Structures are given as structure tokens and as C-alpha cells.
Amino acid sequence: MNKTQIVAFLSSNNHAVEVAMVGLLARQTVGEQNTSTTIESNGRGFNYTDAEYGTYLAKWVKSGRHLTGKHLAAARRMTCFYWRQVSEMSSVLRLFPRPAKVEHKVSGEHELCALLFRLDRFQGLTA
């Protein structure tokens, strides 16, 4: 998944934002989680600027409540900023809509040949 897809998904799915916030908290070290700070600069979890507020929001979600208003907007900005880490979270990726399967109904040899011609990725290429 690329940045555009992740950001678009987070922009339209509040539940995914909440799951991503909890996932970012889980990526913090235990000490960082307990102190709501960032001690190690390891590219995991929240950076030093977002650590205190991000931890607060993630713990709010973990307590069974939902983010709303300015808190949801702030969490959305954070999760979009950390899109690379979010793209590695299977809990968020499971929420991403699966592409619909395309079925082709074919009856007869003529329709089969026409379909194969339309789907041929290499048509028009010469060796």
C-alpha cells in the first residue's frame, strides 16, 4: 500500500484511526508507554512531539471510548503523519476494503476469444 491509499483510508475511517493510534502506542517501548514520552529515537511509535498527547489518545481508545471532535482530528493528523508505520500494522490493514473480484461470463468460443484479446497485457508488443 502506498501513502496516498493509506492517507485516503485514514481520512475516511474513524475506526481505522483509533486502531492505528493503539498500534502506535504498542510500538513504543514499555518505559515510553508508562511515562508518555519518547526516550529512544528508533522510528517506532510516536516521536517526542506527539508522545504525550498520542499516548493520552491511545489510552483513551484502549479504555473503550471513542475519539470525537478535535481529538479525532488530531489523531487523524498523527496517523497520516506516521503512514509508514500504519502500513505495517496488520490490525489496520485488515480493515482496508478488499478489491472486488471481477467475474467474466463467457458463453461460446467467440466471446472467449474476444475476452482474451481485451485482457491481453501484451497485445501490440512486438519481439
Protein backbone atom coordinates (compact mmCIF):
# COMPACT_ATOMS: atom_id res chain seq x y z
CA MET A 1 0.00 0.00 0.00
CA ASN A 2 1.26 3.45 -0.81
CA LYS A 3 0.99 6.73 1.08
CA THR A 4 -1.98 8.00 -0.92
CA GLN A 5 -4.02 4.87 -0.24
CA ILE A 6 -3.21 4.83 3.49
CA VAL A 7 -3.95 8.55 3.96
CA ALA A 8 -7.21 8.31 1.99
CA PHE A 9 -8.31 5.34 4.06
CA LEU A 10 -7.47 7.03 7.37
CA SER A 11 -9.25 10.19 6.21
CA SER A 12 -12.49 8.31 5.73
CA ASN A 13 -12.45 5.69 8.51
CA ASN A 14 -12.61 6.77 12.16
CA HIS A 15 -12.26 3.22 13.46
CA ALA A 16 -9.03 2.75 11.49
CA VAL A 17 -7.64 5.93 13.08
CA GLU A 18 -8.41 4.59 16.55
CA VAL A 19 -6.85 1.20 15.79
CA ALA A 20 -3.77 2.92 14.35
CA MET A 21 -3.37 5.08 17.46
CA VAL A 22 -3.42 1.98 19.68
CA GLY A 23 -0.94 0.34 17.30
CA LEU A 24 1.41 3.32 17.52
CA LEU A 25 1.26 3.17 21.31
CA ALA A 26 2.09 -0.54 21.19
CA ARG A 27 5.20 0.29 19.16
CA GLN A 28 6.54 2.49 21.99
CA THR A 29 8.84 0.81 24.48
CA VAL A 30 7.27 -0.12 27.84
CA GLY A 31 9.11 2.73 29.54
CA GLU A 32 7.89 5.20 26.95
CA GLN A 33 4.32 3.96 27.34
CA ASN A 34 4.46 4.37 31.11
CA THR A 35 5.97 7.86 31.03
CA SER A 36 4.11 9.16 27.92
CA THR A 37 7.42 10.28 26.44
CA THR A 38 9.83 9.19 23.75
CA ILE A 39 13.21 8.17 25.08
CA GLU A 40 14.65 6.27 22.14
CA SER A 41 14.76 7.70 18.64
CA ASN A 42 14.11 4.35 16.93
CA GLY A 43 11.48 5.30 14.34
CA ARG A 44 8.81 3.29 16.17
CA GLY A 45 5.72 4.70 17.80
CA PHE A 46 5.31 8.40 18.49
CA ASN A 47 8.08 10.96 18.14
CA TYR A 48 8.96 13.26 21.06
CA THR A 49 6.48 15.93 19.91
CA ASP A 50 3.47 13.59 19.74
CA ALA A 51 4.34 11.18 22.55
CA GLU A 52 2.38 12.73 25.43
CA TYR A 53 -0.82 13.57 23.54
CA GLY A 54 -0.65 10.47 21.33
CA THR A 55 -0.30 8.26 24.39
CA TYR A 56 -3.26 10.00 26.01
CA LEU A 57 -5.44 9.47 22.93
CA ALA A 58 -4.40 5.83 22.51
CA LYS A 59 -5.09 5.05 26.17
CA TRP A 60 -8.48 6.76 25.82
CA VAL A 61 -9.32 4.39 22.96
CA LYS A 62 -7.95 1.39 24.85
CA SER A 63 -10.33 2.20 27.72
CA GLY A 64 -13.26 1.51 25.39
CA ARG A 65 -14.16 5.08 24.45
CA HIS A 66 -14.15 6.69 21.01
CA LEU A 67 -12.34 9.75 19.74
CA THR A 68 -14.50 12.65 18.60
CA GLY A 69 -14.15 16.27 17.54
CA LYS A 70 -10.75 17.89 17.82
CA HIS A 71 -9.25 14.74 19.39
CA LEU A 72 -10.27 12.64 16.38
CA ALA A 73 -8.92 15.31 14.03
CA ALA A 74 -5.60 15.38 15.89
CA ALA A 75 -5.37 11.58 15.89
CA ARG A 76 -6.12 11.53 12.16
CA ARG A 77 -3.31 14.02 11.50
CA MET A 78 -0.94 11.92 13.61
CA THR A 79 -1.81 8.62 11.95
CA CYS A 80 -1.46 10.16 8.50
CA PHE A 81 1.96 11.51 9.53
CA TYR A 82 3.00 8.02 10.66
CA TRP A 83 1.59 6.40 7.49
CA ARG A 84 4.64 4.14 7.01
CA GLN A 85 4.23 2.59 10.43
CA VAL A 86 0.47 2.29 9.89
CA SER A 87 1.11 0.47 6.61
CA GLU A 88 2.94 -2.22 8.61
CA MET A 89 0.08 -2.75 11.08
CA SER A 90 -1.93 -5.84 10.22
CA SER A 91 -4.74 -4.71 12.55
CA VAL A 92 -5.30 -1.64 10.35
CA LEU A 93 -4.74 -3.40 7.04
CA ARG A 94 -7.47 -5.92 7.89
CA LEU A 95 -9.93 -3.00 7.91
CA PHE A 96 -8.90 -1.89 4.42
CA PRO A 97 -11.58 -2.79 1.86
CA ARG A 98 -10.66 -5.65 -0.42
CA PRO A 99 -10.86 -5.01 -4.16
CA ALA A 100 -13.93 -6.55 -5.72
CA LYS A 101 -13.34 -9.67 -7.78
CA VAL A 102 -14.12 -9.22 -11.43
CA GLU A 103 -16.01 -12.09 -12.97
CA HIS A 104 -16.27 -12.58 -16.69
CA LYS A 105 -19.15 -14.62 -18.01
CA VAL A 106 -18.37 -16.18 -21.33
CA SER A 107 -20.57 -18.36 -23.48
CA GLY A 108 -19.05 -19.67 -26.63
CA GLU A 109 -15.70 -19.65 -28.33
CA HIS A 110 -16.20 -16.25 -29.98
CA GLU A 111 -16.81 -14.47 -26.62
CA LEU A 112 -13.84 -16.28 -25.07
CA CYS A 113 -11.52 -15.07 -27.83
CA ALA A 114 -12.86 -11.50 -27.51
CA LEU A 115 -12.34 -11.56 -23.75
CA LEU A 116 -8.79 -12.89 -24.03
CA PHE A 117 -8.00 -10.20 -26.57
CA ARG A 118 -9.30 -7.47 -24.21
CA LEU A 119 -7.36 -8.81 -21.23
CA ASP A 120 -4.10 -9.45 -23.12
CA ARG A 121 -1.47 -7.21 -21.49
CA PHE A 122 0.97 -7.84 -24.30
CA GLN A 123 -1.15 -7.01 -27.32
CA GLY A 124 0.53 -4.67 -29.69
CA LEU A 125 4.05 -5.55 -28.48
CA THR A 126 6.49 -6.99 -30.96
CA ALA A 127 9.57 -9.02 -30.26
